[in-house]
Amino acid sequence: PERAHHLLGELVFSALEIADFEVELSPVPLELWATLGV
C-alpha cells in the first residue's frame, strides 16, 4: 500500500502541473465502486 500511495501522489502532483489537465480530487461515489465490483 505504501508504494501505491507514493505513486498515486506523484501522479496527482504531476497532473496539477499540466495546464490543460483539470484535476478532480473529490471523493469517488461508493456507488461507482460497487458497480465496478471492487
All heavy atoms as atom14 arrays in JSON, in Angstrom:
{
  "sequence": "PERAHHLLGELVFSALEIADFEVELSPVPLELWATLGV",
  "atom14_mask": [
    [1, 1, 1, 1, 1, 1, 1, 0, 0, 0, 0, 0, 0, 0],
    [1, 1, 1, 1, 1, 1, 1, 1, 1, 0, 0, 0, 0, 0],
    [1, 1, 1, 1, 1, 1, 1, 1, 1, 1, 1, 0, 0, 0],
    [1, 1, 1, 1, 1, 0, 0, 0, 0, 0, 0, 0, 0, 0],
    [1, 1, 1, 1, 1, 1, 1, 1, 1, 1, 0, 0, 0, 0],
    [1, 1, 1, 1, 1, 1, 1, 1, 1, 1, 0, 0, 0, 0],
    [1, 1, 1, 1, 1, 1, 1, 1, 0, 0, 0, 0, 0, 0],
    [1, 1, 1, 1, 1, 1, 1, 1, 0, 0, 0, 0, 0, 0],
    [1, 1, 1, 1, 0, 0, 0, 0, 0, 0, 0, 0, 0, 0],
    [1, 1, 1, 1, 1, 1, 1, 1, 1, 0, 0, 0, 0, 0],
    [1, 1, 1, 1, 1, 1, 1, 1, 0, 0, 0, 0, 0, 0],
    [1, 1, 1, 1, 1, 1, 1, 0, 0, 0, 0, 0, 0, 0],
    [1, 1, 1, 1, 1, 1, 1, 1, 1, 1, 1, 0, 0, 0],
    [1, 1, 1, 1, 1, 1, 0, 0, 0, 0, 0, 0, 0, 0],
    [1, 1, 1, 1, 1, 0, 0, 0, 0, 0, 0, 0, 0, 0],
    [1, 1, 1, 1, 1, 1, 1, 1, 0, 0, 0, 0, 0, 0],
    [1, 1, 1, 1, 1, 1, 1, 1, 1, 0, 0, 0, 0, 0],
    [1, 1, 1, 1, 1, 1, 1, 1, 0, 0, 0, 0, 0, 0],
    [1, 1, 1, 1, 1, 0, 0, 0, 0, 0, 0, 0, 0, 0],
    [1, 1, 1, 1, 1, 1, 1, 1, 0, 0, 0, 0, 0, 0],
    [1, 1, 1, 1, 1, 1, 1, 1, 1, 1, 1, 0, 0, 0],
    [1, 1, 1, 1, 1, 1, 1, 1, 1, 0, 0, 0, 0, 0],
    [1, 1, 1, 1, 1, 1, 1, 0, 0, 0, 0, 0, 0, 0],
    [1, 1, 1, 1, 1, 1, 1, 1, 1, 0, 0, 0, 0, 0],
    [1, 1, 1, 1, 1, 1, 1, 1, 0, 0, 0, 0, 0, 0],
    [1, 1, 1, 1, 1, 1, 0, 0, 0, 0, 0, 0, 0, 0],
    [1, 1, 1, 1, 1, 1, 1, 0, 0, 0, 0, 0, 0, 0],
    [1, 1, 1, 1, 1, 1, 1, 0, 0, 0, 0, 0, 0, 0],
    [1, 1, 1, 1, 1, 1, 1, 0, 0, 0, 0, 0, 0, 0],
    [1, 1, 1, 1, 1, 1, 1, 1, 0, 0, 0, 0, 0, 0],
    [1, 1, 1, 1, 1, 1, 1, 1, 1, 0, 0, 0, 0, 0],
    [1, 1, 1, 1, 1, 1, 1, 1, 0, 0, 0, 0, 0, 0],
    [1, 1, 1, 1, 1, 1, 1, 1, 1, 1, 1, 1, 1, 1],
    [1, 1, 1, 1, 1, 0, 0, 0, 0, 0, 0, 0, 0, 0],
    [1, 1, 1, 1, 1, 1, 1, 0, 0, 0, 0, 0, 0, 0],
    [1, 1, 1, 1, 1, 1, 1, 1, 0, 0, 0, 0, 0, 0],
    [1, 1, 1, 1, 0, 0, 0, 0, 0, 0, 0, 0, 0, 0],
    [1, 1, 1, 1, 1, 1, 1, 0, 0, 0, 0, 0, 0, 0]
  ],
  "atom14_positions": [
    [[0.82, -1.22, 0.0], [0.0, 0.0, 0.0], [0.85, 1.27, 0.0], [0.49, 2.26, -0.65], [-0.82, -0.12, 1.29], [-0.86, -1.59, 1.57], [0.46, -2.12, 1.11], [0.0, 0.0, 0.0], [0.0, 0.0, 0.0], [0.0, 0.0, 0.0], [0.0, 0.0, 0.0], [0.0, 0.0, 0.0], [0.0, 0.0, 0.0], [0.0, 0.0, 0.0]],
    [[1.99, 1.23, 0.71], [2.85, 2.41, 0.76], [3.35, 2.79, -0.64], [3.38, 3.96, -1.0], [4.03, 2.17, 1.71], [3.66, 2.05, 3.17], [3.19, 0.65, 3.54], [3.2, -0.24, 2.65], [2.83, 0.44, 4.72], [0.0, 0.0, 0.0], [0.0, 0.0, 0.0], [0.0, 0.0, 0.0], [0.0, 0.0, 0.0], [0.0, 0.0, 0.0]],
    [[3.74, 1.77, -1.4], [4.23, 2.02, -2.75], [3.11, 2.58, -3.63], [3.31, 3.53, -4.4], [4.76, 0.71, -3.35], [5.17, 0.77, -4.81], [6.36, 1.65, -5.03], [6.82, 1.58, -6.4], [7.67, 2.44, -6.95], [8.16, 3.46, -6.23], [8.04, 2.3, -8.21], [0.0, 0.0, 0.0], [0.0, 0.0, 0.0], [0.0, 0.0, 0.0]],
    [[1.91, 2.01, -3.52], [0.78, 2.5, -4.31], [0.45, 3.94, -3.95], [0.18, 4.77, -4.83], [-0.43, 1.6, -4.09], [0.0, 0.0, 0.0], [0.0, 0.0, 0.0], [0.0, 0.0, 0.0], [0.0, 0.0, 0.0], [0.0, 0.0, 0.0], [0.0, 0.0, 0.0], [0.0, 0.0, 0.0], [0.0, 0.0, 0.0], [0.0, 0.0, 0.0]],
    [[0.47, 4.25, -2.64], [0.18, 5.62, -2.22], [1.21, 6.6, -2.74], [0.87, 7.72, -3.18], [0.11, 5.69, -0.7], [-0.99, 4.86, -0.11], [-1.09, 4.59, 1.23], [-2.05, 4.23, -0.71], [-2.16, 3.84, 1.46], [-2.75, 3.6, 0.29], [0.0, 0.0, 0.0], [0.0, 0.0, 0.0], [0.0, 0.0, 0.0], [0.0, 0.0, 0.0]],
    [[2.48, 6.21, -2.72], [3.54, 7.09, -3.21], [3.35, 7.39, -4.69], [3.42, 8.57, -5.12], [4.9, 6.43, -2.99], [6.03, 7.14, -3.66], [6.55, 8.34, -3.22], [6.74, 6.83, -4.81], [7.51, 8.74, -4.03], [7.64, 7.84, -4.99], [0.0, 0.0, 0.0], [0.0, 0.0, 0.0], [0.0, 0.0, 0.0], [0.0, 0.0, 0.0]],
    [[3.1, 6.36, -5.49], [2.95, 6.56, -6.94], [1.7, 7.4, -7.25], [1.71, 8.24, -8.15], [2.88, 5.22, -7.65], [4.14, 4.35, -7.57], [3.9, 3.01, -8.24], [5.33, 5.07, -8.22], [0.0, 0.0, 0.0], [0.0, 0.0, 0.0], [0.0, 0.0, 0.0], [0.0, 0.0, 0.0], [0.0, 0.0, 0.0], [0.0, 0.0, 0.0]],
    [[0.62, 7.15, -6.49], [-0.59, 7.94, -6.72], [-0.34, 9.41, -6.44], [-0.78, 10.29, -7.19], [-1.72, 7.41, -5.83], [-3.11, 8.01, -6.07], [-3.63, 7.63, -7.45], [-4.08, 7.55, -5.0], [0.0, 0.0, 0.0], [0.0, 0.0, 0.0], [0.0, 0.0, 0.0], [0.0, 0.0, 0.0], [0.0, 0.0, 0.0], [0.0, 0.0, 0.0]],
    [[0.38, 9.7, -5.36], [0.7, 11.1, -5.04], [1.55, 11.74, -6.12], [1.34, 12.92, -6.47], [0.0, 0.0, 0.0], [0.0, 0.0, 0.0], [0.0, 0.0, 0.0], [0.0, 0.0, 0.0], [0.0, 0.0, 0.0], [0.0, 0.0, 0.0], [0.0, 0.0, 0.0], [0.0, 0.0, 0.0], [0.0, 0.0, 0.0], [0.0, 0.0, 0.0]],
    [[2.52, 11.0, -6.67], [3.35, 11.54, -7.75], [2.52, 11.87, -8.97], [2.73, 12.9, -9.63], [4.46, 10.54, -8.1], [5.52, 10.36, -7.03], [6.27, 11.65, -6.74], [6.71, 12.31, -7.7], [6.4, 12.01, -5.54], [0.0, 0.0, 0.0], [0.0, 0.0, 0.0], [0.0, 0.0, 0.0], [0.0, 0.0, 0.0], [0.0, 0.0, 0.0]],
    [[1.55, 11.02, -9.28], [0.69, 11.29, -10.43], [-0.18, 12.52, -10.2], [-0.38, 13.33, -11.11], [-0.19, 10.07, -10.71], [0.52, 8.86, -11.33], [-0.39, 7.65, -11.34], [0.99, 9.17, -12.75], [0.0, 0.0, 0.0], [0.0, 0.0, 0.0], [0.0, 0.0, 0.0], [0.0, 0.0, 0.0], [0.0, 0.0, 0.0], [0.0, 0.0, 0.0]],
    [[-0.7, 12.69, -8.99], [-1.51, 13.87, -8.69], [-0.7, 15.14, -8.85], [-1.12, 16.1, -9.51], [-2.11, 13.78, -7.27], [-2.78, 15.11, -6.9], [-3.11, 12.65, -7.17], [0.0, 0.0, 0.0], [0.0, 0.0, 0.0], [0.0, 0.0, 0.0], [0.0, 0.0, 0.0], [0.0, 0.0, 0.0], [0.0, 0.0, 0.0], [0.0, 0.0, 0.0]],
    [[0.49, 15.18, -8.23], [1.32, 16.39, -8.33], [1.69, 16.68, -9.78], [1.71, 17.83, -10.22], [2.58, 16.24, -7.48], [2.35, 16.51, -6.02], [2.65, 15.55, -5.07], [1.84, 17.72, -5.59], [2.44, 15.79, -3.72], [1.63, 17.98, -4.25], [1.92, 17.01, -3.31], [0.0, 0.0, 0.0], [0.0, 0.0, 0.0], [0.0, 0.0, 0.0]],
    [[2.0, 15.64, -10.55], [2.36, 15.85, -11.96], [1.16, 16.38, -12.74], [1.31, 17.3, -13.56], [2.85, 14.54, -12.56], [3.12, 14.7, -13.95], [0.0, 0.0, 0.0], [0.0, 0.0, 0.0], [0.0, 0.0, 0.0], [0.0, 0.0, 0.0], [0.0, 0.0, 0.0], [0.0, 0.0, 0.0], [0.0, 0.0, 0.0], [0.0, 0.0, 0.0]],
    [[-0.04, 15.83, -12.5], [-1.22, 16.28, -13.22], [-1.54, 17.73, -12.91], [-1.99, 18.49, -13.79], [-2.41, 15.4, -12.86], [0.0, 0.0, 0.0], [0.0, 0.0, 0.0], [0.0, 0.0, 0.0], [0.0, 0.0, 0.0], [0.0, 0.0, 0.0], [0.0, 0.0, 0.0], [0.0, 0.0, 0.0], [0.0, 0.0, 0.0], [0.0, 0.0, 0.0]],
    [[-1.31, 18.16, -11.68], [-1.57, 19.55, -11.31], [-0.66, 20.53, -12.04], [-0.97, 21.72, -12.15], [-1.4, 19.73, -9.79], [-2.46, 19.06, -8.92], [-2.05, 19.1, -7.45], [-3.82, 19.72, -9.1], [0.0, 0.0, 0.0], [0.0, 0.0, 0.0], [0.0, 0.0, 0.0], [0.0, 0.0, 0.0], [0.0, 0.0, 0.0], [0.0, 0.0, 0.0]],
    [[0.47, 20.04, -12.55], [1.42, 20.9, -13.27], [1.05, 21.08, -14.74], [1.6, 21.96, -15.42], [2.84, 20.31, -13.18], [3.45, 20.34, -11.79], [3.95, 21.72, -11.4], [3.99, 22.6, -12.28], [4.27, 21.92, -10.22], [0.0, 0.0, 0.0], [0.0, 0.0, 0.0], [0.0, 0.0, 0.0], [0.0, 0.0, 0.0], [0.0, 0.0, 0.0]],
    [[0.14, 20.26, -15.26], [-0.17, 20.28, -16.69], [-1.35, 21.23, -16.93], [-2.42, 21.08, -16.33], [-0.48, 18.87, -17.2], [0.74, 17.96, -16.95], [-0.85, 18.9, -18.69], [0.51, 16.51, -17.34], [0.0, 0.0, 0.0], [0.0, 0.0, 0.0], [0.0, 0.0, 0.0], [0.0, 0.0, 0.0], [0.0, 0.0, 0.0], [0.0, 0.0, 0.0]],
    [[-1.15, 22.18, -17.82], [-2.09, 23.3, -17.97], [-3.49, 22.84, -18.36], [-4.48, 23.36, -17.84], [-1.56, 24.3, -19.0], [0.0, 0.0, 0.0], [0.0, 0.0, 0.0], [0.0, 0.0, 0.0], [0.0, 0.0, 0.0], [0.0, 0.0, 0.0], [0.0, 0.0, 0.0], [0.0, 0.0, 0.0], [0.0, 0.0, 0.0], [0.0, 0.0, 0.0]],
    [[-3.62, 21.89, -19.29], [-4.96, 21.54, -19.76], [-5.53, 20.31, -19.06], [-6.53, 19.74, -19.49], [-4.97, 21.33, -21.28], [-4.09, 20.17, -21.72], [-3.24, 19.72, -20.91], [-4.24, 19.7, -22.86], [0.0, 0.0, 0.0], [0.0, 0.0, 0.0], [0.0, 0.0, 0.0], [0.0, 0.0, 0.0], [0.0, 0.0, 0.0], [0.0, 0.0, 0.0]],
    [[-4.91, 19.88, -17.94], [-5.49, 18.83, -17.1], [-6.33, 19.49, -16.01], [-5.84, 20.34, -15.27], [-4.4, 18.0, -16.43], [-3.83, 16.9, -17.29], [-3.99, 16.92, -18.66], [-3.1, 15.87, -16.72], [-3.45, 15.93, -19.46], [-2.55, 14.87, -17.5], [-2.72, 14.89, -18.88], [0.0, 0.0, 0.0], [0.0, 0.0, 0.0], [0.0, 0.0, 0.0]],
    [[-7.58, 19.12, -15.9], [-8.42, 19.56, -14.8], [-8.5, 18.41, -13.8], [-9.12, 17.37, -14.06], [-9.81, 19.93, -15.3], [-10.74, 20.42, -14.2], [-12.13, 20.74, -14.72], [-12.27, 20.96, -15.93], [-13.07, 20.76, -13.89], [0.0, 0.0, 0.0], [0.0, 0.0, 0.0], [0.0, 0.0, 0.0], [0.0, 0.0, 0.0], [0.0, 0.0, 0.0]],
    [[-7.87, 18.58, -12.64], [-7.77, 17.52, -11.65], [-8.94, 17.62, -10.67], [-9.2, 18.68, -10.1], [-6.43, 17.61, -10.88], [-6.33, 16.49, -9.84], [-5.25, 17.52, -11.86], [0.0, 0.0, 0.0], [0.0, 0.0, 0.0], [0.0, 0.0, 0.0], [0.0, 0.0, 0.0], [0.0, 0.0, 0.0], [0.0, 0.0, 0.0], [0.0, 0.0, 0.0]],
    [[-9.65, 16.51, -10.48], [-10.77, 16.45, -9.55], [-10.4, 15.52, -8.4], [-10.15, 14.32, -8.6], [-12.03, 15.94, -10.25], [-12.49, 16.84, -11.4], [-13.75, 16.33, -12.07], [-14.39, 15.41, -11.5], [-14.08, 16.83, -13.15], [0.0, 0.0, 0.0], [0.0, 0.0, 0.0], [0.0, 0.0, 0.0], [0.0, 0.0, 0.0], [0.0, 0.0, 0.0]],
    [[-10.35, 16.05, -7.19], [-9.93, 15.29, -6.0], [-11.09, 15.0, -5.06], [-10.87, 14.53, -3.94], [-8.83, 16.06, -5.26], [-7.52, 16.26, -6.05], [-6.55, 17.14, -5.27], [-6.87, 14.91, -6.37], [0.0, 0.0, 0.0], [0.0, 0.0, 0.0], [0.0, 0.0, 0.0], [0.0, 0.0, 0.0], [0.0, 0.0, 0.0], [0.0, 0.0, 0.0]],
    [[-12.32, 15.28, -5.49], [-13.47, 14.96, -4.64], [-13.63, 13.44, -4.54], [-13.2, 12.7, -5.43], [-14.73, 15.6, -5.22], [-14.94, 15.15, -6.55], [0.0, 0.0, 0.0], [0.0, 0.0, 0.0], [0.0, 0.0, 0.0], [0.0, 0.0, 0.0], [0.0, 0.0, 0.0], [0.0, 0.0, 0.0], [0.0, 0.0, 0.0], [0.0, 0.0, 0.0]],
    [[-14.23, 12.96, -3.46], [-14.37, 11.5, -3.28], [-15.14, 10.85, -4.42], [-16.11, 11.4, -4.92], [-15.13, 11.38, -1.96], [-14.87, 12.66, -1.24], [-14.75, 13.71, -2.3], [0.0, 0.0, 0.0], [0.0, 0.0, 0.0], [0.0, 0.0, 0.0], [0.0, 0.0, 0.0], [0.0, 0.0, 0.0], [0.0, 0.0, 0.0], [0.0, 0.0, 0.0]],
    [[-14.68, 9.66, -4.81], [-15.4, 8.89, -5.83], [-16.62, 8.26, -5.16], [-16.51, 7.65, -4.1], [-14.48, 7.8, -6.41], [-15.25, 6.96, -7.43], [-13.25, 8.43, -7.05], [0.0, 0.0, 0.0], [0.0, 0.0, 0.0], [0.0, 0.0, 0.0], [0.0, 0.0, 0.0], [0.0, 0.0, 0.0], [0.0, 0.0, 0.0], [0.0, 0.0, 0.0]],
    [[-17.8, 8.42, -5.74], [-19.01, 7.86, -5.12], [-18.88, 6.36, -4.86], [-18.37, 5.6, -5.7], [-20.12, 8.16, -6.13], [-19.59, 9.33, -6.92], [-18.11, 9.14, -6.99], [0.0, 0.0, 0.0], [0.0, 0.0, 0.0], [0.0, 0.0, 0.0], [0.0, 0.0, 0.0], [0.0, 0.0, 0.0], [0.0, 0.0, 0.0], [0.0, 0.0, 0.0]],
    [[-19.37, 5.92, -3.71], [-19.31, 4.49, -3.36], [-20.09, 3.66, -4.37], [-19.75, 2.5, -4.62], [-19.85, 4.28, -1.95], [-19.03, 4.91, -0.81], [-19.73, 4.68, 0.52], [-17.61, 4.33, -0.79], [0.0, 0.0, 0.0], [0.0, 0.0, 0.0], [0.0, 0.0, 0.0], [0.0, 0.0, 0.0], [0.0, 0.0, 0.0], [0.0, 0.0, 0.0]],
    [[-21.14, 4.26, -4.95], [-21.94, 3.51, -5.92], [-21.11, 3.1, -7.13], [-21.34, 2.04, -7.72], [-23.13, 4.35, -6.38], [-24.17, 4.63, -5.29], [-23.77, 5.79, -4.4], [-22.68, 6.37, -4.61], [-24.55, 6.13, -3.49], [0.0, 0.0, 0.0], [0.0, 0.0, 0.0], [0.0, 0.0, 0.0], [0.0, 0.0, 0.0], [0.0, 0.0, 0.0]],
    [[-20.13, 3.94, -7.5], [-19.29, 3.59, -8.65], [-18.43, 2.38, -8.35], [-18.32, 1.46, -9.17], [-18.4, 4.78, -9.03], [-17.39, 4.53, -10.14], [-18.09, 4.13, -11.43], [-16.52, 5.77, -10.38], [0.0, 0.0, 0.0], [0.0, 0.0, 0.0], [0.0, 0.0, 0.0], [0.0, 0.0, 0.0], [0.0, 0.0, 0.0], [0.0, 0.0, 0.0]],
    [[-17.83, 2.35, -7.17], [-17.01, 1.19, -6.8], [-17.87, -0.07, -6.76], [-17.44, -1.15, -7.19], [-16.34, 1.41, -5.45], [-15.35, 2.54, -5.44], [-15.43, 3.69, -4.72], [-14.13, 2.63, -6.18], [-14.34, 4.5, -4.97], [-13.52, 3.87, -5.86], [-13.49, 1.79, -7.1], [-12.31, 4.28, -6.42], [-12.28, 2.19, -7.64], [-11.7, 3.42, -7.31]],
    [[-19.09, 0.06, -6.23], [-19.97, -1.1, -6.17], [-20.32, -1.59, -7.57], [-20.37, -2.8, -7.83], [-21.25, -0.74, -5.4], [0.0, 0.0, 0.0], [0.0, 0.0, 0.0], [0.0, 0.0, 0.0], [0.0, 0.0, 0.0], [0.0, 0.0, 0.0], [0.0, 0.0, 0.0], [0.0, 0.0, 0.0], [0.0, 0.0, 0.0], [0.0, 0.0, 0.0]],
    [[-20.54, -0.66, -8.5], [-20.83, -1.05, -9.89], [-19.65, -1.77, -10.53], [-19.83, -2.73, -11.28], [-21.2, 0.2, -10.71], [-22.33, 0.84, -10.12], [-21.52, -0.16, -12.15], [0.0, 0.0, 0.0], [0.0, 0.0, 0.0], [0.0, 0.0, 0.0], [0.0, 0.0, 0.0], [0.0, 0.0, 0.0], [0.0, 0.0, 0.0], [0.0, 0.0, 0.0]],
    [[-18.44, -1.28, -10.22], [-17.23, -1.91, -10.78], [-16.91, -3.23, -10.1], [-16.11, -4.03, -10.62], [-16.04, -0.96, -10.65], [-16.14, 0.35, -11.44], [-14.95, 1.25, -11.12], [-16.19, 0.09, -12.93], [0.0, 0.0, 0.0], [0.0, 0.0, 0.0], [0.0, 0.0, 0.0], [0.0, 0.0, 0.0], [0.0, 0.0, 0.0], [0.0, 0.0, 0.0]],
    [[-17.49, -3.47, -8.93], [-17.26, -4.73, -8.22], [-15.93, -4.79, -7.51], [-15.39, -5.89, -7.3], [0.0, 0.0, 0.0], [0.0, 0.0, 0.0], [0.0, 0.0, 0.0], [0.0, 0.0, 0.0], [0.0, 0.0, 0.0], [0.0, 0.0, 0.0], [0.0, 0.0, 0.0], [0.0, 0.0, 0.0], [0.0, 0.0, 0.0], [0.0, 0.0, 0.0]],
    [[-15.37, -3.64, -7.13], [-14.1, -3.61, -6.4], [-14.28, -2.75, -5.15], [-15.13, -1.86, -5.11], [-12.96, -3.04, -7.27], [-12.69, -3.93, -8.44], [-13.31, -1.63, -7.76], [0.0, 0.0, 0.0], [0.0, 0.0, 0.0], [0.0, 0.0, 0.0], [0.0, 0.0, 0.0], [0.0, 0.0, 0.0], [0.0, 0.0, 0.0], [0.0, 0.0, 0.0]]
  ]
}
